[in-house]
Amino acid sequence: MMKLQGGLLQWSPSSLIPSAIKTTHLSISACVVERNHQLTARERRQLRNERRESKSGYSWREEVEERLIKKPKKRYASWTEELNLDTLAEAGQQWWVVRVSRVRGHETAQVLARALARQFPEMEFTVYAPAVQVKRKLKNGSISVKPRPVFPGCIFIRCILNKEIHDAIREVEGVGGFIGSKVGNTKRQINKPRPVDDSDLEAIFKQAKEEQEKADSEFDEGQRAEEEASLASQELLASSSDAIETVETKPKRAPGKAALATETKTKKKKLAAGSTVRVLSGTFAEFVGNLKKLNRKTAMATVGFTLFGKETLVEIDINELVPEIQS
């Protein structure tokens, strides 16, 4: 409602207009888009540097310098440096693989150890030829132990390697060189030794230990089986001898002196090694066997009988044997 008072136009809200009017607030923000693609590369670098320098307490130059210092520089060795074997000593003691004969590898390892100890008495080194000690029982009852290499044709040596030691190892009889890689150029090339990682050596030690335990267990099982077989055969022989003793034999009339002398002479003439004989009396009476050995001085003969599928040798008096007549 408007009223005119003293030239002033006054306005007051009418009662018809509602007292509460809903208002909507709108905010308009203006943004400036910089199109960097319209700037040159130099201008973009300047803007980037200005933004970096505007930050308080931040020096991007120092950060870049620190990163460059921490980053290791890749070093490219010349071919003359690669041919220099004295650089191998910089890494200290390491394991190296030496090629040897597949048959005489264990002997070559011993010769190499003696040669290094004689030529370099102050040097610390270790020669390792992984092998399994295989046990075998001989016919005379003794046990022979023979090494079987785990890696035929290779032995391992731990030392500080340089050119002098490298050449000394190469000159040992039975050594074929080191396992490595070829370096150099077309004018000159050498086989540069390559060290073995400690993890690989631990795996080799573990493999050698497992194979040794396996070989020992197999030998022990064979010994137990042989002892059981021997006990079984002894029991069979004992039972067979008891059965033979219980056999009843018919009594025979004792021959006269003249007949006995004639029979003895005839038997001695006809008995010969390799012939088939029959036992007249004793434990093996009426047994037929093969005459293996005849000793006329002691009047004893060695006869082989077949018992339970096995041949058993027994010494019997010549007077108790007669040649078996083949029918």
Protein backbone atom coordinates (compact mmCIF):
# COMPACT_ATOMS: atom_id res chain seq x y z
CA MET A 1 0.00 0.00 0.00
CA MET A 2 1.54 3.30 -1.04
CA LYS A 3 0.91 6.76 0.59
CA LEU A 4 2.11 10.15 -0.55
CA GLN A 5 3.49 12.13 2.37
CA GLY A 6 5.64 15.19 1.84
CA GLY A 7 6.74 14.20 -1.62
CA LEU A 8 7.90 10.82 -0.45
CA LEU A 9 6.36 7.74 -1.70
CA GLN A 10 6.04 5.26 1.06
CA TRP A 11 5.35 1.64 0.47
CA SER A 12 4.12 -0.90 2.90
CA PRO A 13 3.24 -4.51 2.26
CA SER A 14 -0.44 -5.03 1.79
CA SER A 15 -2.38 -7.28 3.94
CA LEU A 16 -3.35 -9.18 0.82
CA ILE A 17 0.28 -10.20 0.17
CA PRO A 18 1.34 -13.12 2.28
CA SER A 19 3.84 -12.29 4.95
CA ALA A 20 6.16 -15.18 4.16
CA ILE A 21 7.50 -15.41 0.65
CA LYS A 22 9.75 -18.24 -0.34
CA THR A 23 13.01 -17.03 -1.79
CA THR A 24 15.50 -18.96 -3.84
CA HIS A 25 19.20 -18.05 -3.68
CA LEU A 26 21.28 -18.66 -6.78
CA SER A 27 25.07 -18.41 -6.87
CA ILE A 28 26.90 -17.82 -10.06
CA SER A 29 30.58 -18.62 -10.17
CA ALA A 30 32.82 -17.68 -12.96
CA CYS A 31 35.70 -19.91 -13.95
CA VAL A 32 38.59 -19.22 -16.16
CA VAL A 33 39.75 -22.10 -18.27
CA GLU A 34 43.32 -22.00 -19.34
CA ARG A 35 44.02 -23.81 -22.46
CA ASN A 36 47.56 -25.06 -22.13
CA HIS A 37 47.56 -26.51 -25.56
CA GLN A 38 47.64 -22.99 -26.90
CA LEU A 39 50.86 -22.28 -24.95
CA THR A 40 54.29 -23.21 -26.12
CA ALA A 41 56.45 -25.75 -24.33
CA ARG A 42 58.69 -23.05 -22.89
CA GLU A 43 55.69 -21.14 -21.49
CA ARG A 44 54.31 -24.29 -19.89
CA ARG A 45 57.66 -24.98 -18.21
CA GLN A 46 57.77 -21.42 -16.89
CA LEU A 47 54.26 -21.72 -15.44
CA ARG A 48 55.14 -25.03 -13.82
CA ASN A 49 58.29 -23.63 -12.28
CA GLU A 50 56.39 -20.58 -10.99
CA ARG A 51 53.82 -22.80 -9.31
CA ARG A 52 56.55 -24.84 -7.67
CA GLU A 53 58.40 -21.79 -6.41
CA SER A 54 55.18 -20.22 -5.13
CA LYS A 55 54.74 -23.04 -2.63
CA SER A 56 56.28 -22.05 0.70
CA GLY A 57 58.89 -24.40 2.15
CA TYR A 58 59.10 -26.51 -0.99
CA SER A 59 62.20 -26.72 -3.14
CA TRP A 60 61.68 -28.89 -6.16
CA ARG A 61 65.27 -28.51 -7.21
CA GLU A 62 66.51 -30.11 -4.01
CA GLU A 63 64.04 -32.98 -4.40
CA VAL A 64 65.20 -33.68 -7.94
CA GLU A 65 68.84 -33.55 -6.86
CA GLU A 66 68.22 -36.00 -4.01
CA ARG A 67 66.49 -38.42 -6.36
CA LEU A 68 69.37 -38.25 -8.79
CA ILE A 69 71.85 -38.90 -5.98
CA LYS A 70 69.93 -41.94 -4.68
CA LYS A 71 69.42 -43.43 -8.14
CA PRO A 72 72.37 -45.72 -8.94
CA LYS A 73 74.07 -44.97 -12.16
CA LYS A 74 74.25 -47.88 -14.56
CA ARG A 75 77.85 -48.66 -15.30
CA TYR A 76 78.80 -50.08 -18.65
CA ALA A 77 82.11 -51.92 -18.51
CA SER A 78 84.33 -51.90 -21.54
CA TRP A 79 85.32 -55.15 -23.21
CA THR A 80 88.84 -54.83 -21.82
CA GLU A 81 87.45 -54.67 -18.28
CA GLU A 82 85.28 -57.73 -18.93
CA LEU A 83 88.37 -59.67 -19.97
CA ASN A 84 90.14 -58.76 -16.73
CA LEU A 85 89.64 -61.70 -14.36
CA ASP A 86 91.06 -59.76 -11.40
CA THR A 87 87.70 -57.97 -11.11
CA LEU A 88 86.17 -61.24 -9.85
CA ALA A 89 87.97 -60.75 -6.53
CA GLU A 90 85.91 -57.62 -5.77
CA ALA A 91 82.90 -59.74 -4.74
CA GLY A 92 84.92 -61.66 -2.11
CA GLN A 93 84.58 -65.39 -1.45
CA GLN A 94 82.06 -67.07 -3.71
CA TRP A 95 81.21 -70.54 -4.99
CA TRP A 96 82.40 -71.51 -8.47
CA VAL A 97 81.73 -74.60 -10.59
CA VAL A 98 84.71 -76.46 -12.11
CA ARG A 99 84.31 -79.00 -14.93
CA VAL A 100 86.10 -82.33 -14.37
CA SER A 101 85.97 -85.89 -15.67
CA ARG A 102 82.74 -87.78 -14.99
CA VAL A 103 84.68 -90.89 -13.92
CA ARG A 104 87.59 -89.43 -11.92
CA GLY A 105 85.85 -86.38 -10.45
CA HIS A 106 86.44 -87.36 -6.80
CA GLU A 107 90.16 -87.96 -7.39
CA THR A 108 90.48 -84.66 -9.29
CA ALA A 109 88.92 -82.81 -6.33
CA GLN A 110 91.59 -84.24 -4.01
CA VAL A 111 94.39 -83.34 -6.43
CA LEU A 112 93.00 -79.80 -6.79
CA ALA A 113 92.83 -79.30 -3.02
CA ARG A 114 96.44 -80.42 -2.57
CA ALA A 115 97.64 -78.19 -5.43
CA LEU A 116 95.94 -75.07 -4.04
CA ALA A 117 97.23 -75.76 -0.52
CA ARG A 118 100.76 -76.10 -1.90
CA GLN A 119 100.72 -73.03 -4.20
CA PHE A 120 98.62 -70.70 -2.01
CA PRO A 121 99.22 -71.71 1.63
CA GLU A 122 97.64 -68.51 3.06
CA MET A 123 94.46 -68.67 0.98
CA GLU A 124 91.19 -69.89 2.47
CA PHE A 125 89.30 -72.21 0.14
CA THR A 126 86.84 -75.10 0.19
CA VAL A 127 86.60 -77.87 -2.41
CA TYR A 128 83.28 -79.74 -2.42
CA ALA A 129 82.52 -82.80 -4.55
CA PRO A 130 78.96 -83.89 -3.65
CA ALA A 131 78.85 -87.69 -3.59
CA VAL A 132 76.87 -90.51 -2.00
CA GLN A 133 78.89 -93.14 -0.11
CA VAL A 134 77.43 -96.40 -1.44
CA LYS A 135 78.03 -99.48 0.74
CA ARG A 136 78.24 -103.00 -0.70
CA LYS A 137 78.89 -106.31 1.01
CA LEU A 138 81.51 -108.52 -0.64
CA LYS A 139 81.61 -112.32 -0.82
CA ASN A 140 84.25 -112.54 1.91
CA GLY A 141 81.93 -110.69 4.31
CA SER A 142 83.70 -107.31 4.24
CA ILE A 143 81.89 -104.08 3.31
CA SER A 144 83.24 -101.83 0.56
CA VAL A 145 82.38 -98.11 0.39
CA LYS A 146 82.50 -96.39 -2.99
CA PRO A 147 81.57 -92.73 -3.68
CA ARG A 148 78.93 -92.08 -6.32
CA PRO A 149 78.90 -88.44 -7.53
CA VAL A 150 75.62 -86.53 -7.27
CA PHE A 151 76.61 -84.20 -10.14
CA PRO A 152 79.00 -86.17 -12.38
CA GLY A 153 81.50 -83.94 -14.14
CA CYS A 154 81.24 -81.01 -11.69
CA ILE A 155 82.94 -80.01 -8.44
CA PHE A 156 82.47 -76.82 -6.43
CA ILE A 157 85.14 -74.53 -4.99
CA ARG A 158 84.71 -71.54 -2.66
CA CYS A 159 87.47 -68.94 -2.77
CA ILE A 160 88.41 -65.40 -3.76
CA LEU A 161 89.03 -65.85 -7.46
CA ASN A 162 91.45 -63.78 -9.51
CA LYS A 163 93.50 -64.37 -12.63
CA GLU A 164 96.40 -66.06 -10.84
CA ILE A 165 94.19 -68.53 -8.98
CA HIS A 166 92.06 -69.04 -12.09
CA ASP A 167 95.09 -70.02 -14.16
CA ALA A 168 96.45 -72.27 -11.38
CA ILE A 169 93.17 -74.19 -11.21
CA ARG A 170 93.04 -74.56 -14.99
CA GLU A 171 96.52 -76.12 -15.01
CA VAL A 172 95.58 -78.92 -12.57
CA GLU A 173 95.41 -82.32 -14.27
CA GLY A 174 91.83 -83.41 -14.87
CA VAL A 175 90.30 -79.91 -14.75
CA GLY A 176 88.43 -78.82 -17.88
CA GLY A 177 87.77 -75.21 -16.89
CA PHE A 178 85.05 -73.17 -15.20
CA ILE A 179 81.35 -72.96 -15.97
CA GLY A 180 80.55 -69.40 -17.07
CA SER A 181 79.74 -67.24 -20.06
CA LYS A 182 81.77 -65.93 -22.98
CA VAL A 183 82.80 -62.26 -22.88
CA GLY A 184 84.82 -60.05 -25.20
CA ASN A 185 84.54 -59.16 -28.85
CA THR A 186 85.35 -60.75 -32.18
CA LYS A 187 89.07 -60.19 -31.65
CA ARG A 188 89.33 -61.92 -28.29
CA GLN A 189 86.89 -63.98 -26.24
CA ILE A 190 87.26 -65.84 -22.95
CA ASN A 191 85.02 -68.00 -20.80
CA LYS A 192 84.47 -65.86 -17.69
CA PRO A 193 83.49 -67.87 -14.58
CA ARG A 194 80.01 -67.24 -13.20
CA PRO A 195 79.45 -67.54 -9.42
CA VAL A 196 76.78 -69.78 -7.90
CA ASP A 197 74.11 -68.31 -5.62
CA ASP A 198 74.02 -69.38 -1.98
CA SER A 199 70.42 -70.53 -2.38
CA ASP A 200 71.46 -72.91 -5.15
CA LEU A 201 74.26 -74.33 -2.98
CA GLU A 202 71.82 -74.92 -0.12
CA ALA A 203 69.61 -76.90 -2.50
CA ILE A 204 72.65 -78.96 -3.57
CA PHE A 205 73.59 -79.70 0.06
CA LYS A 206 70.01 -80.77 0.78
CA GLN A 207 69.86 -83.06 -2.25
CA ALA A 208 73.16 -84.76 -1.36
CA LYS A 209 71.98 -85.34 2.22
CA GLU A 210 68.67 -86.86 1.09
CA GLU A 211 70.36 -89.22 -1.39
CA GLN A 212 72.87 -90.33 1.29
CA GLU A 213 70.06 -91.15 3.72
CA LYS A 214 68.24 -93.10 1.00
CA ALA A 215 71.36 -95.16 0.13
CA ASP A 216 71.99 -95.98 3.81
CA SER A 217 68.40 -97.13 4.35
CA GLU A 218 68.53 -99.37 1.26
CA PHE A 219 71.78 -100.99 2.48
CA ASP A 220 70.32 -101.61 5.95
CA GLU A 221 67.20 -103.20 4.46
CA GLY A 222 69.35 -105.47 2.29
CA GLN A 223 71.40 -106.54 5.32
CA ARG A 224 68.27 -107.42 7.29
CA ALA A 225 66.84 -109.41 4.37
CA GLU A 226 70.12 -111.33 3.98
CA GLU A 227 70.24 -112.17 7.68
CA GLU A 228 66.67 -113.44 7.59
CA ALA A 229 67.44 -115.63 4.56
CA SER A 230 70.56 -117.02 6.27
CA LEU A 231 68.59 -117.93 9.40
CA ALA A 232 65.92 -119.64 7.30
CA SER A 233 68.51 -121.73 5.42
CA GLN A 234 70.18 -122.77 8.69
CA GLU A 235 66.84 -123.92 10.06
CA LEU A 236 66.19 -125.96 6.91
CA LEU A 237 69.61 -127.62 7.10
CA ALA A 238 69.10 -128.44 10.77
CA SER A 239 65.71 -130.01 10.09
CA SER A 240 67.10 -132.02 7.16
CA SER A 241 70.00 -133.39 9.21
CA ASP A 242 67.60 -134.47 11.96
CA ALA A 243 65.46 -136.27 9.38
CA ILE A 244 68.48 -138.07 7.93
CA GLU A 245 69.62 -139.28 11.36
CA THR A 246 66.21 -140.82 12.06
CA VAL A 247 66.25 -142.90 8.86
CA GLU A 248 66.54 -146.58 9.70
CA THR A 249 69.10 -148.45 7.68
CA LYS A 250 69.28 -152.22 7.31
CA PRO A 251 72.30 -153.83 8.99
CA LYS A 252 74.78 -155.13 6.55
CA ARG A 253 77.13 -158.03 6.99
CA ALA A 254 80.67 -156.90 7.47
CA PRO A 255 82.82 -157.99 4.55
CA GLY A 256 85.94 -160.01 5.01
CA LYS A 257 89.43 -158.55 5.17
CA ALA A 258 90.39 -159.68 1.67
CA ALA A 259 87.18 -158.37 0.15
CA LEU A 260 87.52 -155.04 2.01
CA ALA A 261 91.09 -154.53 0.78
CA THR A 262 90.10 -155.33 -2.80
CA GLU A 263 87.08 -153.03 -2.61
CA THR A 264 89.19 -150.16 -1.22
CA LYS A 265 91.76 -150.48 -4.02
CA THR A 266 89.03 -150.55 -6.65
CA LYS A 267 87.30 -147.46 -5.17
CA LYS A 268 90.51 -145.47 -5.02
CA LYS A 269 91.21 -146.22 -8.65
CA LYS A 270 87.72 -145.37 -9.86
CA LEU A 271 87.11 -142.28 -7.68
CA ALA A 272 87.95 -139.07 -9.54
CA ALA A 273 86.95 -135.43 -9.28
CA GLY A 274 83.74 -134.76 -11.17
CA SER A 275 82.38 -138.32 -10.92
CA THR A 276 79.11 -139.31 -9.28
CA VAL A 277 79.51 -141.17 -5.99
CA ARG A 278 77.25 -142.83 -3.43
CA VAL A 279 77.74 -142.80 0.36
CA LEU A 280 77.79 -146.21 2.00
CA SER A 281 77.43 -145.29 5.68
CA GLY A 282 77.26 -142.40 8.08
CA THR A 283 74.94 -139.44 8.24
CA PHE A 284 74.56 -139.21 4.45
CA ALA A 285 74.15 -142.95 3.85
CA GLU A 286 72.67 -143.85 0.46
CA PHE A 287 72.99 -140.22 -0.68
CA VAL A 288 74.27 -139.64 -4.20
CA GLY A 289 76.42 -136.61 -4.91
CA ASN A 290 79.11 -135.12 -7.11
CA LEU A 291 82.75 -135.60 -6.11
CA LYS A 292 84.29 -132.14 -6.04
CA LYS A 293 87.73 -132.70 -4.55
CA LEU A 294 89.81 -135.76 -3.62
CA ASN A 295 92.74 -135.64 -1.19
CA ARG A 296 94.53 -139.02 -1.17
CA LYS A 297 97.00 -137.95 1.53
CA THR A 298 94.31 -137.34 4.14
CA ALA A 299 91.93 -139.93 2.58
CA MET A 300 89.14 -137.33 2.60
CA ALA A 301 86.84 -136.30 -0.24
CA THR A 302 84.63 -133.24 -0.74
CA VAL A 303 81.20 -134.22 -2.06
CA GLY A 304 78.41 -131.87 -3.14
CA PHE A 305 74.82 -132.86 -2.28
CA THR A 306 71.71 -131.08 -3.53
CA LEU A 307 69.47 -130.32 -0.54
CA PHE A 308 66.29 -128.23 -0.90
CA GLY A 309 67.42 -126.88 -4.24
CA LYS A 310 70.86 -125.77 -2.97
CA GLU A 311 74.21 -127.51 -3.22
CA THR A 312 75.86 -128.36 0.11
CA LEU A 313 79.54 -129.40 0.32
CA VAL A 314 80.44 -132.14 2.84
CA GLU A 315 83.81 -133.79 3.62
CA ILE A 316 83.53 -137.61 3.80
CA ASP A 317 86.06 -140.39 4.24
CA ILE A 318 87.06 -142.07 0.97
CA ASN A 319 86.29 -145.52 2.42
CA GLU A 320 82.62 -144.49 2.75
CA LEU A 321 82.26 -143.65 -0.97
CA VAL A 322 81.73 -145.85 -4.00
CA PRO A 323 81.27 -144.82 -7.64
CA GLU A 324 77.63 -144.68 -8.66
CA ILE A 325 76.86 -147.00 -11.57
CA GLN A 326 74.64 -145.36 -14.12
CA SER A 327 71.86 -147.71 -15.11
